[in-house]
Amino acid sequence: MSAVLTAIHVAFAVAAALIVWRIITGPSILDRAVASDVLLTLVMCVLGAEMAINHHTRTLPLLLIIAAVGVFGSISIARFVARKDEDTK
């Protein structure tokens, strides 16, 4: 079981590193927005996996808060980009 947990930790760490790299080097704001959404999703997956491995639901409110932040963040970025596109026309 410890080998499986180590593989899961490595996979999550590699994914997080690649996502952070995309956030830093993203050529546009939309690339960075998508990468930040993916990072929030990855954090939610890590918390969900931790809940499943340790058989508890203590972090469920945190999962809900992260999901809400992700949705509201995506909406605000979409509105910002739409407003910016209207200004350039």
Protein backbone atom coordinates (compact mmCIF):
# COMPACT_ATOMS: atom_id res chain seq x y z
CA MET A 1 0.00 0.00 0.00
CA SER A 2 2.85 2.42 0.71
CA ALA A 3 4.15 2.01 -2.86
CA VAL A 4 0.75 3.01 -4.20
CA LEU A 5 0.61 6.05 -1.91
CA THR A 6 4.10 7.07 -2.98
CA ALA A 7 3.10 6.78 -6.64
CA ILE A 8 0.01 8.90 -5.97
CA HIS A 9 2.07 11.55 -4.18
CA VAL A 10 4.58 11.66 -7.04
CA ALA A 11 1.84 11.92 -9.67
CA PHE A 12 0.12 14.77 -7.82
CA ALA A 13 3.44 16.57 -7.29
CA VAL A 14 4.43 16.30 -10.95
CA ALA A 15 0.99 17.51 -12.05
CA ALA A 16 1.15 20.46 -9.65
CA ALA A 17 4.62 21.41 -10.85
CA LEU A 18 3.51 21.36 -14.49
CA ILE A 19 0.42 23.41 -13.69
CA VAL A 20 2.42 26.02 -11.79
CA TRP A 21 4.84 26.17 -14.72
CA ARG A 22 1.89 26.88 -17.05
CA ILE A 23 0.61 29.60 -14.72
CA ILE A 24 4.02 31.29 -14.68
CA THR A 25 4.80 30.98 -18.39
CA GLY A 26 1.30 31.13 -19.88
CA PRO A 27 1.34 33.44 -22.87
CA SER A 28 -2.16 34.79 -22.26
CA ILE A 29 -4.43 35.45 -19.32
CA LEU A 30 -6.79 32.75 -20.51
CA ASP A 31 -4.00 30.15 -20.37
CA ARG A 32 -3.25 31.22 -16.82
CA ALA A 33 -6.96 31.13 -15.91
CA VAL A 34 -7.38 27.60 -17.23
CA ALA A 35 -4.22 26.50 -15.43
CA SER A 36 -5.44 28.00 -12.16
CA ASP A 37 -8.75 26.17 -12.56
CA VAL A 38 -6.87 22.95 -13.15
CA LEU A 39 -4.73 23.64 -10.07
CA LEU A 40 -7.85 24.12 -7.95
CA THR A 41 -9.23 20.88 -9.37
CA LEU A 42 -5.98 19.12 -8.52
CA VAL A 43 -6.15 20.43 -4.95
CA MET A 44 -9.70 19.14 -4.72
CA CYS A 45 -8.55 15.73 -5.99
CA VAL A 46 -5.74 15.64 -3.44
CA LEU A 47 -8.16 16.46 -0.62
CA GLY A 48 -10.64 13.90 -1.88
CA ALA A 49 -7.95 11.23 -2.09
CA GLU A 50 -6.80 12.10 1.42
CA MET A 51 -10.37 11.77 2.68
CA ALA A 52 -10.75 8.39 0.97
CA ILE A 53 -7.42 7.07 2.25
CA ASN A 54 -7.97 8.19 5.86
CA HIS A 55 -11.72 7.41 5.93
CA HIS A 56 -13.03 10.79 7.12
CA THR A 57 -15.06 13.74 5.86
CA ARG A 58 -13.54 16.57 7.86
CA THR A 59 -12.25 18.40 4.80
CA LEU A 60 -15.54 18.35 2.91
CA PRO A 61 -16.34 22.02 3.76
CA LEU A 62 -12.93 22.97 2.41
CA LEU A 63 -13.72 21.14 -0.83
CA LEU A 64 -16.93 23.11 -1.18
CA ILE A 65 -15.15 26.42 -0.57
CA ILE A 66 -12.47 25.59 -3.14
CA ALA A 67 -15.15 24.66 -5.69
CA ALA A 68 -16.97 27.95 -5.10
CA VAL A 69 -13.75 29.95 -5.42
CA GLY A 70 -13.00 28.18 -8.69
CA VAL A 71 -16.41 28.92 -10.16
CA PHE A 72 -16.45 32.56 -9.08
CA GLY A 73 -12.87 33.05 -10.25
CA SER A 74 -13.65 31.65 -13.68
CA ILE A 75 -16.71 33.85 -14.01
CA SER A 76 -14.82 36.99 -13.01
CA ILE A 77 -11.95 36.26 -15.41
CA ALA A 78 -14.42 35.60 -18.24
CA ARG A 79 -16.16 38.91 -17.55
CA PHE A 80 -12.80 40.72 -17.42
CA VAL A 81 -11.69 39.26 -20.75
CA ALA A 82 -15.07 39.99 -22.35
CA ARG A 83 -14.92 43.60 -21.18
CA LYS A 84 -11.35 43.90 -22.43
CA ASP A 85 -12.41 42.57 -25.86
CA GLU A 86 -15.21 45.14 -26.06
CA ASP A 87 -12.75 47.96 -25.34
CA THR A 88 -10.49 46.95 -28.23
CA LYS A 89 -13.31 46.97 -30.83
